[in-house]
Amino acid sequence: MKKAEIEDREKMAALLKEAEDSPIVNTLRAEKAAETLATRREIRGRIDTLRNEESAVLPKLDADLQEKEAVHAAAKTVLAGAAAKVQAATFALRQARLNFGTTIGNC
């Protein structure tokens, strides 16, 4: 590199450092940091509110689910018993038809 280019780069680096250390840039950085902090606090508040609501709602919904599952299990048991009775009645009807058909056929 040429000596002039090196000097230009060094001057630019010095100017950049001076600009970065200026009170205006520091003020802007502080304002941005304050905005970011305020936003984060606001979001944290919303998250806390949602977590509190979650801790109140989910147990109720879980209890409701458990109750409905118990009702479903009981209904399933009753349905299985009714299905067995229907199957037994169907078998009895078929058996009676067969017996009558055989008796009538033997006459």
PDB file of N, CA and C in Angstrom:
ATOM      1  N   MET A   1       0.828  -1.178   0.000  1.00  0.00           N
ATOM      2  CA  MET A   1       0.000   0.000   0.000  1.00  0.00           C
ATOM      3  C   MET A   1       0.876   1.245   0.000  1.00  0.00           C
ATOM      4  N   LYS A   2       0.328   2.272  -0.525  1.00  0.00           N
ATOM      5  CA  LYS A   2       1.067   3.526  -0.543  1.00  0.00           C
ATOM      6  C   LYS A   2       0.999   4.175   0.825  1.00  0.00           C
ATOM      7  N   LYS A   3       1.981   4.988   1.065  1.00  0.00           N
ATOM      8  CA  LYS A   3       2.053   5.679   2.347  1.00  0.00           C
ATOM      9  C   LYS A   3       0.840   6.596   2.532  1.00  0.00           C
ATOM     10  N   ALA A   4       0.382   7.224   1.476  1.00  0.00           N
ATOM     11  CA  ALA A   4      -0.755   8.149   1.552  1.00  0.00           C
ATOM     12  C   ALA A   4      -2.036   7.383   1.920  1.00  0.00           C
ATOM     13  N   GLU A   5      -2.201   6.201   1.353  1.00  0.00           N
ATOM     14  CA  GLU A   5      -3.375   5.380   1.673  1.00  0.00           C
ATOM     15  C   GLU A   5      -3.369   4.960   3.132  1.00  0.00           C
ATOM     16  N   ILE A   6      -2.202   4.608   3.614  1.00  0.00           N
ATOM     17  CA  ILE A   6      -2.070   4.198   5.010  1.00  0.00           C
ATOM     18  C   ILE A   6      -2.397   5.376   5.929  1.00  0.00           C
ATOM     19  N   GLU A   7      -1.902   6.562   5.585  1.00  0.00           N
ATOM     20  CA  GLU A   7      -2.187   7.743   6.396  1.00  0.00           C
ATOM     21  C   GLU A   7      -3.674   8.072   6.363  1.00  0.00           C
ATOM     22  N   ASP A   8      -4.299   7.929   5.168  1.00  0.00           N
ATOM     23  CA  ASP A   8      -5.740   8.192   5.053  1.00  0.00           C
ATOM     24  C   ASP A   8      -6.538   7.222   5.930  1.00  0.00           C
ATOM     25  N   ARG A   9      -6.166   5.982   5.908  1.00  0.00           N
ATOM     26  CA  ARG A   9      -6.863   4.983   6.741  1.00  0.00           C
ATOM     27  C   ARG A   9      -6.692   5.289   8.223  1.00  0.00           C
ATOM     28  N   GLU A  10      -5.492   5.682   8.604  1.00  0.00           N
ATOM     29  CA  GLU A  10      -5.245   6.021  10.003  1.00  0.00           C
ATOM     30  C   GLU A  10      -6.062   7.244  10.422  1.00  0.00           C
ATOM     31  N   LYS A  11      -6.159   8.253   9.508  1.00  0.00           N
ATOM     32  CA  LYS A  11      -6.967   9.427   9.802  1.00  0.00           C
ATOM     33  C   LYS A  11      -8.441   9.047   9.933  1.00  0.00           C
ATOM     34  N   MET A  12      -8.910   8.189   9.033  1.00  0.00           N
ATOM     35  CA  MET A  12     -10.302   7.749   9.081  1.00  0.00           C
ATOM     36  C   MET A  12     -10.585   6.984  10.382  1.00  0.00           C
ATOM     37  N   ALA A  13      -9.651   6.127  10.785  1.00  0.00           N
ATOM     38  CA  ALA A  13      -9.829   5.377  12.030  1.00  0.00           C
ATOM     39  C   ALA A  13      -9.864   6.323  13.224  1.00  0.00           C
ATOM     40  N   ALA A  14      -9.025   7.362  13.206  1.00  0.00           N
ATOM     41  CA  ALA A  14      -9.000   8.332  14.301  1.00  0.00           C
ATOM     42  C   ALA A  14     -10.312   9.124  14.332  1.00  0.00           C
ATOM     43  N   LEU A  15     -10.805   9.514  13.154  1.00  0.00           N
ATOM     44  CA  LEU A  15     -12.073  10.237  13.085  1.00  0.00           C
ATOM     45  C   LEU A  15     -13.235   9.370  13.568  1.00  0.00           C
ATOM     46  N   LEU A  16     -13.214   8.095  13.165  1.00  0.00           N
ATOM     47  CA  LEU A  16     -14.268   7.177  13.587  1.00  0.00           C
ATOM     48  C   LEU A  16     -14.256   7.020  15.106  1.00  0.00           C
ATOM     49  N   LYS A  17     -13.072   6.863  15.683  1.00  0.00           N
ATOM     50  CA  LYS A  17     -12.973   6.724  17.138  1.00  0.00           C
ATOM     51  C   LYS A  17     -13.468   7.988  17.830  1.00  0.00           C
ATOM     52  N   GLU A  18     -13.097   9.133  17.277  1.00  0.00           N
ATOM     53  CA  GLU A  18     -13.537  10.406  17.846  1.00  0.00           C
ATOM     54  C   GLU A  18     -15.059  10.540  17.770  1.00  0.00           C
ATOM     55  N   ALA A  19     -15.638  10.110  16.641  1.00  0.00           N
ATOM     56  CA  ALA A  19     -17.091  10.189  16.477  1.00  0.00           C
ATOM     57  C   ALA A  19     -17.791   9.236  17.432  1.00  0.00           C
ATOM     58  N   GLU A  20     -17.235   8.048  17.588  1.00  0.00           N
ATOM     59  CA  GLU A  20     -17.847   7.065  18.486  1.00  0.00           C
ATOM     60  C   GLU A  20     -17.778   7.504  19.944  1.00  0.00           C
ATOM     61  N   ASP A  21     -16.762   8.282  20.291  1.00  0.00           N
ATOM     62  CA  ASP A  21     -16.608   8.735  21.673  1.00  0.00           C
ATOM     63  C   ASP A  21     -17.306  10.066  21.945  1.00  0.00           C
ATOM     64  N   SER A  22     -17.962  10.641  20.945  1.00  0.00           N
ATOM     65  CA  SER A  22     -18.582  11.956  21.119  1.00  0.00           C
ATOM     66  C   SER A  22     -19.794  11.856  22.038  1.00  0.00           C
ATOM     67  N   PRO A  23     -20.125  12.931  22.729  1.00  0.00           N
ATOM     68  CA  PRO A  23     -21.269  12.948  23.649  1.00  0.00           C
ATOM     69  C   PRO A  23     -22.603  12.665  22.931  1.00  0.00           C
ATOM     70  N   ILE A  24     -22.739  13.120  21.705  1.00  0.00           N
ATOM     71  CA  ILE A  24     -23.989  12.896  20.969  1.00  0.00           C
ATOM     72  C   ILE A  24     -24.197  11.402  20.733  1.00  0.00           C
ATOM     73  N   VAL A  25     -23.145  10.734  20.289  1.00  0.00           N
ATOM     74  CA  VAL A  25     -23.253   9.288  20.042  1.00  0.00           C
ATOM     75  C   VAL A  25     -23.512   8.556  21.347  1.00  0.00           C
ATOM     76  N   ASN A  26     -22.845   8.964  22.407  1.00  0.00           N
ATOM     77  CA  ASN A  26     -23.080   8.334  23.715  1.00  0.00           C
ATOM     78  C   ASN A  26     -24.511   8.564  24.176  1.00  0.00           C
ATOM     79  N   THR A  27     -25.057   9.749  23.939  1.00  0.00           N
ATOM     80  CA  THR A  27     -26.439  10.047  24.299  1.00  0.00           C
ATOM     81  C   THR A  27     -27.396   9.170  23.489  1.00  0.00           C
ATOM     82  N   LEU A  28     -27.136   9.055  22.194  1.00  0.00           N
ATOM     83  CA  LEU A  28     -27.973   8.203  21.346  1.00  0.00           C
ATOM     84  C   LEU A  28     -27.925   6.748  21.792  1.00  0.00           C
ATOM     85  N   ARG A  29     -26.751   6.281  22.123  1.00  0.00           N
ATOM     86  CA  ARG A  29     -26.621   4.898  22.622  1.00  0.00           C
ATOM     87  C   ARG A  29     -27.392   4.717  23.929  1.00  0.00           C
ATOM     88  N   ALA A  30     -27.308   5.687  24.817  1.00  0.00           N
ATOM     89  CA  ALA A  30     -28.015   5.598  26.097  1.00  0.00           C
ATOM     90  C   ALA A  30     -29.526   5.616  25.875  1.00  0.00           C
ATOM     91  N   GLU A  31     -29.993   6.453  24.944  1.00  0.00           N
ATOM     92  CA  GLU A  31     -31.426   6.493  24.638  1.00  0.00           C
ATOM     93  C   GLU A  31     -31.896   5.156  24.068  1.00  0.00           C
ATOM     94  N   LYS A  32     -31.103   4.612  23.168  1.00  0.00           N
ATOM     95  CA  LYS A  32     -31.456   3.312  22.562  1.00  0.00           C
ATOM     96  C   LYS A  32     -31.479   2.224  23.632  1.00  0.00           C
ATOM     97  N   ALA A  33     -30.504   2.260  24.525  1.00  0.00           N
ATOM     98  CA  ALA A  33     -30.464   1.265  25.608  1.00  0.00           C
ATOM     99  C   ALA A  33     -31.676   1.425  26.528  1.00  0.00           C
ATOM    100  N   ALA A  34     -32.078   2.663  26.800  1.00  0.00           N
ATOM    101  CA  ALA A  34     -33.246   2.901  27.650  1.00  0.00           C
ATOM    102  C   ALA A  34     -34.519   2.399  26.970  1.00  0.00           C
ATOM    103  N   GLU A  35     -34.640   2.634  25.658  1.00  0.00           N
ATOM    104  CA  GLU A  35     -35.798   2.133  24.905  1.00  0.00           C
ATOM    105  C   GLU A  35     -35.845   0.611  24.936  1.00  0.00           C
ATOM    106  N   THR A  36     -34.695   0.007  24.725  1.00  0.00           N
ATOM    107  CA  THR A  36     -34.617  -1.461  24.734  1.00  0.00           C
ATOM    108  C   THR A  36     -35.004  -2.007  26.096  1.00  0.00           C
ATOM    109  N   LEU A  37     -34.507  -1.382  27.145  1.00  0.00           N
ATOM    110  CA  LEU A  37     -34.832  -1.823  28.505  1.00  0.00           C
ATOM    111  C   LEU A  37     -36.322  -1.668  28.788  1.00  0.00           C
ATOM    112  N   ALA A  38     -36.907  -0.550  28.361  1.00  0.00           N
ATOM    113  CA  ALA A  38     -38.341  -0.335  28.576  1.00  0.00           C
ATOM    114  C   ALA A  38     -39.155  -1.381  27.830  1.00  0.00           C
ATOM    115  N   THR A  39     -38.756  -1.669  26.603  1.00  0.00           N
ATOM    116  CA  THR A  39     -39.454  -2.689  25.812  1.00  0.00           C
ATOM    117  C   THR A  39     -39.349  -4.051  26.476  1.00  0.00           C
ATOM    118  N   ARG A  40     -38.173  -4.382  26.935  1.00  0.00           N
ATOM    119  CA  ARG A  40     -37.976  -5.677  27.594  1.00  0.00           C
ATOM    120  C   ARG A  40     -38.806  -5.778  28.880  1.00  0.00           C
ATOM    121  N   ARG A  41     -38.874  -4.686  29.623  1.00  0.00           N
ATOM    122  CA  ARG A  41     -39.685  -4.701  30.855  1.00  0.00           C
ATOM    123  C   ARG A  41     -41.171  -4.861  30.530  1.00  0.00           C
ATOM    124  N   GLU A  42     -41.616  -4.190  29.478  1.00  0.00           N
ATOM    125  CA  GLU A  42     -43.018  -4.301  29.071  1.00  0.00           C
ATOM    126  C   GLU A  42     -43.339  -5.738  28.652  1.00  0.00           C
ATOM    127  N   ILE A  43     -42.460  -6.312  27.874  1.00  0.00           N
ATOM    128  CA  ILE A  43     -42.664  -7.701  27.425  1.00  0.00           C
ATOM    129  C   ILE A  43     -42.625  -8.644  28.615  1.00  0.00           C
ATOM    130  N   ARG A  44     -41.718  -8.405  29.532  1.00  0.00           N
ATOM    131  CA  ARG A  44     -41.626  -9.242  30.732  1.00  0.00           C
ATOM    132  C   ARG A  44     -42.932  -9.167  31.526  1.00  0.00           C
ATOM    133  N   GLY A  45     -43.510  -7.969  31.620  1.00  0.00           N
ATOM    134  CA  GLY A  45     -44.786  -7.811  32.311  1.00  0.00           C
ATOM    135  C   GLY A  45     -45.885  -8.606  31.629  1.00  0.00           C
ATOM    136  N   ARG A  46     -45.916  -8.558  30.291  1.00  0.00           N
ATOM    137  CA  ARG A  46     -46.928  -9.332  29.559  1.00  0.00           C
ATOM    138  C   ARG A  46     -46.730 -10.829  29.761  1.00  0.00           C
ATOM    139  N   ILE A  47     -45.472 -11.252  29.739  1.00  0.00           N
ATOM    140  CA  ILE A  47     -45.179 -12.678  29.945  1.00  0.00           C
ATOM    141  C   ILE A  47     -45.614 -13.107  31.340  1.00  0.00           C
ATOM    142  N   ASP A  48     -45.320 -12.290  32.347  1.00  0.00           N
ATOM    143  CA  ASP A  48     -45.728 -12.625  33.715  1.00  0.00           C
ATOM    144  C   ASP A  48     -47.249 -12.714  33.827  1.00  0.00           C
ATOM    145  N   THR A  49     -47.948 -11.777  33.186  1.00  0.00           N
ATOM    146  CA  THR A  49     -49.414 -11.802  33.206  1.00  0.00           C
ATOM    147  C   THR A  49     -49.933 -13.075  32.560  1.00  0.00           C
ATOM    148  N   LEU A  50     -49.366 -13.429  31.411  1.00  0.00           N
ATOM    149  CA  LEU A  50     -49.798 -14.648  30.719  1.00  0.00           C
ATOM    150  C   LEU A  50     -49.488 -15.899  31.530  1.00  0.00           C
ATOM    151  N   ARG A  51     -48.352 -15.925  32.194  1.00  0.00           N
ATOM    152  CA  ARG A  51     -48.012 -17.092  33.014  1.00  0.00           C
ATOM    153  C   ARG A  51     -48.959 -17.218  34.201  1.00  0.00           C
ATOM    154  N   ASN A  52     -49.323 -16.085  34.801  1.00  0.00           N
ATOM    155  CA  ASN A  52     -50.296 -16.128  35.906  1.00  0.00           C
ATOM    156  C   ASN A  52     -51.642 -16.628  35.411  1.00  0.00           C
ATOM    157  N   GLU A  53     -52.058 -16.137  34.260  1.00  0.00           N
ATOM    158  CA  GLU A  53     -53.321 -16.590  33.676  1.00  0.00           C
ATOM    159  C   GLU A  53     -53.253 -18.074  33.334  1.00  0.00           C
ATOM    160  N   GLU A  54     -52.118 -18.485  32.796  1.00  0.00           N
ATOM    161  CA  GLU A  54     -51.917 -19.902  32.460  1.00  0.00           C
ATOM    162  C   GLU A  54     -52.035 -20.778  33.701  1.00  0.00           C
ATOM    163  N   SER A  55     -51.415 -20.340  34.794  1.00  0.00           N
ATOM    164  CA  SER A  55     -51.450 -21.144  36.022  1.00  0.00           C
ATOM    165  C   SER A  55     -52.849 -21.192  36.625  1.00  0.00           C
ATOM    166  N   ALA A  56     -53.707 -20.236  36.266  1.00  0.00           N
ATOM    167  CA  ALA A  56     -55.084 -20.269  36.752  1.00  0.00           C
ATOM    168  C   ALA A  56     -55.990 -21.078  35.834  1.00  0.00           C
ATOM    169  N   VAL A  57     -55.755 -21.015  34.532  1.00  0.00           N
ATOM    170  CA  VAL A  57     -56.658 -21.630  33.556  1.00  0.00           C
ATOM    171  C   VAL A  57     -56.346 -23.110  33.331  1.00  0.00           C
ATOM    172  N   LEU A  58     -55.078 -23.443  33.160  1.00  0.00           N
ATOM    173  CA  LEU A  58     -54.726 -24.819  32.794  1.00  0.00           C
ATOM    174  C   LEU A  58     -55.167 -25.863  33.815  1.00  0.00           C
ATOM    175  N   PRO A  59     -55.020 -25.637  35.118  1.00  0.00           N
ATOM    176  CA  PRO A  59     -55.503 -26.652  36.063  1.00  0.00           C
ATOM    177  C   PRO A  59     -57.012 -26.897  35.953  1.00  0.00           C
ATOM    178  N   LYS A  60     -57.773 -25.830  35.699  1.00  0.00           N
ATOM    179  CA  LYS A  60     -59.220 -25.999  35.540  1.00  0.00           C
ATOM    180  C   LYS A  60     -59.538 -26.827  34.303  1.00  0.00           C
ATOM    181  N   LEU A  61     -58.850 -26.523  33.214  1.00  0.00           N
ATOM    182  CA  LEU A  61     -59.070 -27.280  31.979  1.00  0.00           C
ATOM    183  C   LEU A  61     -58.627 -28.732  32.128  1.00  0.00           C
ATOM    184  N   ASP A  62     -57.539 -28.944  32.850  1.00  0.00           N
ATOM    185  CA  ASP A  62     -57.061 -30.305  33.077  1.00  0.00           C
ATOM    186  C   ASP A  62     -58.060 -31.096  33.915  1.00  0.00           C
ATOM    187  N   ALA A  63     -58.603 -30.463  34.947  1.00  0.00           N
ATOM    188  CA  ALA A  63     -59.609 -31.129  35.780  1.00  0.00           C
ATOM    189  C   ALA A  63     -60.850 -31.452  34.965  1.00  0.00           C
ATOM    190  N   ASP A  64     -61.260 -30.533  34.093  1.00  0.00           N
ATOM    191  CA  ASP A  64     -62.407 -30.762  33.220  1.00  0.00           C
ATOM    192  C   ASP A  64     -62.132 -31.942  32.285  1.00  0.00           C
ATOM    193  N   LEU A  65     -60.928 -31.997  31.754  1.00  0.00           N
ATOM    194  CA  LEU A  65     -60.555 -33.111  30.882  1.00  0.00           C
ATOM    195  C   LEU A  65     -60.595 -34.437  31.638  1.00  0.00           C
ATOM    196  N   GLN A  66     -60.062 -34.461  32.837  1.00  0.00           N
ATOM    197  CA  GLN A  66     -60.053 -35.687  33.635  1.00  0.00           C
ATOM    198  C   GLN A  66     -61.480 -36.155  33.904  1.00  0.00           C
ATOM    199  N   GLU A  67     -62.370 -35.210  34.201  1.00  0.00           N
ATOM    200  CA  GLU A  67     -63.772 -35.546  34.465  1.00  0.00           C
ATOM    201  C   GLU A  67     -64.428 -36.138  33.217  1.00  0.00           C
ATOM    202  N   LYS A  68     -64.184 -35.510  32.077  1.00  0.00           N
ATOM    203  CA  LYS A  68     -64.775 -35.990  30.829  1.00  0.00           C
ATOM    204  C   LYS A  68     -64.198 -37.350  30.418  1.00  0.00           C
ATOM    205  N   GLU A  69     -62.925 -37.555  30.689  1.00  0.00           N
ATOM    206  CA  GLU A  69     -62.326 -38.859  30.397  1.00  0.00           C
ATOM    207  C   GLU A  69     -62.939 -39.943  31.276  1.00  0.00           C
ATOM    208  N   ALA A  70     -63.247 -39.619  32.531  1.00  0.00           N
ATOM    209  CA  ALA A  70     -63.887 -40.593  33.425  1.00  0.00           C
ATOM    210  C   ALA A  70     -65.291 -40.924  32.932  1.00  0.00           C
ATOM    211  N   VAL A  71     -66.036 -39.897  32.506  1.00  0.00           N
ATOM    212  CA  VAL A  71     -67.374 -40.129  31.958  1.00  0.00           C
ATOM    213  C   VAL A  71     -67.284 -40.968  30.693  1.00  0.00           C
ATOM    214  N   HIS A  72     -66.300 -40.668  29.857  1.00  0.00           N
ATOM    215  CA  HIS A  72     -66.112 -41.422  28.618  1.00  0.00           C
ATOM    216  C   HIS A  72     -65.788 -42.879  28.910  1.00  0.00           C
ATOM    217  N   ALA A  73     -64.909 -43.125  29.867  1.00  0.00           N
ATOM    218  CA  ALA A  73     -64.545 -44.497  30.219  1.00  0.00           C
ATOM    219  C   ALA A  73     -65.761 -45.259  30.744  1.00  0.00           C
ATOM    220  N   ALA A  74     -66.582 -44.594  31.578  1.00  0.00           N
ATOM    221  CA  ALA A  74     -67.783 -45.246  32.103  1.00  0.00           C
ATOM    222  C   ALA A  74     -68.759 -45.553  30.972  1.00  0.00           C
ATOM    223  N   ALA A  75     -68.942 -44.594  30.064  1.00  0.00           N
ATOM    224  CA  ALA A  75     -69.856 -44.807  28.934  1.00  0.00           C
ATOM    225  C   ALA A  75     -69.341 -45.920  28.031  1.00  0.00           C
ATOM    226  N   LYS A  76     -68.039 -45.983  27.878  1.00  0.00           N
ATOM    227  CA  LYS A  76     -67.437 -47.030  27.054  1.00  0.00           C
ATOM    228  C   LYS A  76     -67.702 -48.410  27.669  1.00  0.00           C
ATOM    229  N   THR A  77     -67.611 -48.486  28.982  1.00  0.00           N
ATOM    230  CA  THR A  77     -67.888 -49.744  29.679  1.00  0.00           C
ATOM    231  C   THR A  77     -69.353 -50.139  29.515  1.00  0.00           C
ATOM    232  N   VAL A  78     -70.243 -49.161  29.680  1.00  0.00           N
ATOM    233  CA  VAL A  78     -71.681 -49.426  29.509  1.00  0.00           C
ATOM    234  C   VAL A  78     -71.954 -49.860  28.074  1.00  0.00           C
ATOM    235  N   LEU A  79     -71.332 -49.202  27.110  1.00  0.00           N
ATOM    236  CA  LEU A  79     -71.521 -49.539  25.705  1.00  0.00           C
ATOM    237  C   LEU A  79     -71.014 -50.953  25.404  1.00  0.00           C
ATOM    238  N   ALA A  80     -69.909 -51.317  26.004  1.00  0.00           N
ATOM    239  CA  ALA A  80     -69.379 -52.670  25.790  1.00  0.00           C
ATOM    240  C   ALA A  80     -70.357 -53.706  26.363  1.00  0.00           C
ATOM    241  N   GLY A  81     -70.936 -53.410  27.527  1.00  0.00           N
ATOM    242  CA  GLY A  81     -71.932 -54.317  28.114  1.00  0.00           C
ATOM    243  C   GLY A  81     -73.172 -54.403  27.241  1.00  0.00           C
ATOM    244  N   ALA A  82     -73.620 -53.257  26.717  1.00  0.00           N
ATOM    245  CA  ALA A  82     -74.793 -53.252  25.838  1.00  0.00           C
ATOM    246  C   ALA A  82     -74.492 -54.006  24.548  1.00  0.00           C
ATOM    247  N   ALA A  83     -73.294 -53.870  24.029  1.00  0.00           N
ATOM    248  CA  ALA A  83     -72.916 -54.589  22.802  1.00  0.00           C
ATOM    249  C   ALA A  83     -72.942 -56.093  23.042  1.00  0.00           C
ATOM    250  N   ALA A  84     -72.509 -56.514  24.210  1.00  0.00           N
ATOM    251  CA  ALA A  84     -72.547 -57.946  24.535  1.00  0.00           C
ATOM    252  C   ALA A  84     -73.988 -58.436  24.616  1.00  0.00           C
ATOM    253  N   LYS A  85     -74.871 -57.598  25.195  1.00  0.00           N
ATOM    254  CA  LYS A  85     -76.285 -57.977  25.284  1.00  0.00           C
ATOM    255  C   LYS A  85     -76.923 -58.032  23.895  1.00  0.00           C
ATOM    256  N   VAL A  86     -76.583 -57.096  23.025  1.00  0.00           N
ATOM    257  CA  VAL A  86     -77.104 -57.099  21.643  1.00  0.00           C
ATOM    258  C   VAL A  86     -76.618 -58.348  20.916  1.00  0.00           C
ATOM    259  N   GLN A  87     -75.364 -58.674  21.111  1.00  0.00           N
ATOM    260  CA  GLN A  87     -74.812 -59.869  20.464  1.00  0.00           C
ATOM    261  C   GLN A  87     -75.519 -61.125  20.973  1.00  0.00           C
ATOM    262  N   ALA A  88     -75.775 -61.190  22.270  1.00  0.00           N
ATOM    263  CA  ALA A  88     -76.473 -62.347  22.837  1.00  0.00           C
ATOM    264  C   ALA A  88     -77.906 -62.422  22.300  1.00  0.00           C
ATOM    265  N   ALA A  89     -78.589 -61.264  22.207  1.00  0.00           N
ATOM    266  CA  ALA A  89     -79.960 -61.250  21.684  1.00  0.00           C
ATOM    267  C   ALA A  89     -79.969 -61.656  20.208  1.00  0.00           C
ATOM    268  N   THR A  90     -79.004 -61.202  19.443  1.00  0.00           N
ATOM    269  CA  THR A  90     -78.900 -61.576  18.026  1.00  0.00           C
ATOM    270  C   THR A  90     -78.687 -63.079  17.894  1.00  0.00           C
ATOM    271  N   PHE A  91     -77.810 -63.601  18.724  1.00  0.00           N
ATOM    272  CA  PHE A  91     -77.557 -65.047  18.698  1.00  0.00           C
ATOM    273  C   PHE A  91     -78.830 -65.828  19.049  1.00  0.00           C
ATOM    274  N   ALA A  92     -79.563 -65.354  20.075  1.00  0.00           N
ATOM    275  CA  ALA A  92     -80.787 -66.030  20.483  1.00  0.00           C
ATOM    276  C   ALA A  92     -81.827 -65.990  19.366  1.00  0.00           C
ATOM    277  N   LEU A  93     -81.958 -64.848  18.681  1.00  0.00           N
ATOM    278  CA  LEU A  93     -82.904 -64.722  17.574  1.00  0.00           C
ATOM    279  C   LEU A  93     -82.535 -65.662  16.432  1.00  0.00           C
ATOM    280  N   ARG A  94     -81.280 -65.714  16.082  1.00  0.00           N
ATOM    281  CA  ARG A  94     -80.847 -66.602  15.002  1.00  0.00           C
ATOM    282  C   ARG A  94     -81.055 -68.072  15.366  1.00  0.00           C
ATOM    283  N   GLN A  95     -80.769 -68.373  16.611  1.00  0.00           N
ATOM    284  CA  GLN A  95     -80.951 -69.754  17.079  1.00  0.00           C
ATOM    285  C   GLN A  95     -82.426 -70.154  17.018  1.00  0.00           C
ATOM    286  N   ALA A  96     -83.316 -69.227  17.466  1.00  0.00           N
ATOM    287  CA  ALA A  96     -84.756 -69.516  17.436  1.00  0.00           C
ATOM    288  C   ALA A  96     -85.238 -69.679  15.995  1.00  0.00           C
ATOM    289  N   ARG A  97     -84.786 -68.801  15.086  1.00  0.00           N
ATOM    290  CA  ARG A  97     -85.169 -68.927  13.677  1.00  0.00           C
ATOM    291  C   ARG A  97     -84.708 -70.267  13.102  1.00  0.00           C
ATOM    292  N   LEU A  98     -83.499 -70.645  13.446  1.00  0.00           N
ATOM    293  CA  LEU A  98     -82.955 -71.922  12.958  1.00  0.00           C
ATOM    294  C   LEU A  98     -83.777 -73.080  13.495  1.00  0.00           C
ATOM    295  N   ASN A  99     -84.080 -73.019  14.789  1.00  0.00           N
ATOM    296  CA  ASN A  99     -84.879 -74.099  15.390  1.00  0.00           C
ATOM    297  C   ASN A  99     -86.260 -74.177  14.756  1.00  0.00           C
ATOM    298  N   PHE A 100     -86.919 -73.041  14.598  1.00  0.00           N
ATOM    299  CA  PHE A 100     -88.257 -73.063  13.961  1.00  0.00           C
ATOM    300  C   PHE A 100     -88.167 -73.536  12.520  1.00  0.00           C
ATOM    301  N   GLY A 101     -87.164 -73.079  11.820  1.00  0.00           N
ATOM    302  CA  GLY A 101     -86.998 -73.509  10.423  1.00  0.00           C
ATOM    303  C   GLY A 101     -86.755 -75.009  10.327  1.00  0.00           C
ATOM    304  N   THR A 102     -85.954 -75.515  11.234  1.00  0.00           N
ATOM    305  CA  THR A 102     -85.683 -76.960  11.234  1.00  0.00           C
ATOM    306  C   THR A 102     -86.941 -77.734  11.600  1.00  0.00           C
ATOM    307  N   THR A 103     -87.686 -77.278  12.613  1.00  0.00           N
ATOM    308  CA  THR A 103     -88.915 -77.961  13.039  1.00  0.00           C
ATOM    309  C   THR A 103     -89.956 -77.929  11.918  1.00  0.00           C
ATOM    310  N   ILE A 104     -90.095 -76.770  11.298  1.00  0.00           N
ATOM    311  CA  ILE A 104     -91.071 -76.667  10.197  1.00  0.00           C
ATOM    312  C   ILE A 104     -90.630 -77.540   9.031  1.00  0.00           C
ATOM    313  N   GLY A 105     -89.396 -77.593   8.766  1.00  0.00           N
ATOM    314  CA  GLY A 105     -88.887 -78.419   7.676  1.00  0.00           C
ATOM    315  C   GLY A 105     -89.057 -79.898   7.930  1.00  0.00           C
ATOM    316  N   ASN A 106     -89.063 -80.308   9.176  1.00  0.00           N
ATOM    317  CA  ASN A 106     -89.231 -81.717   9.527  1.00  0.00           C
ATOM    318  C   ASN A 106     -90.695 -82.152   9.528  1.00  0.00           C
ATOM    319  N   CYS A 107     -91.609 -81.236   9.428  1.00  0.00           N
ATOM    320  CA  CYS A 107     -93.036 -81.595   9.459  1.00  0.00           C
ATOM    321  C   CYS A 107     -93.522 -82.185   8.173  1.00  0.00           C
TER     322      CYS A 107
END
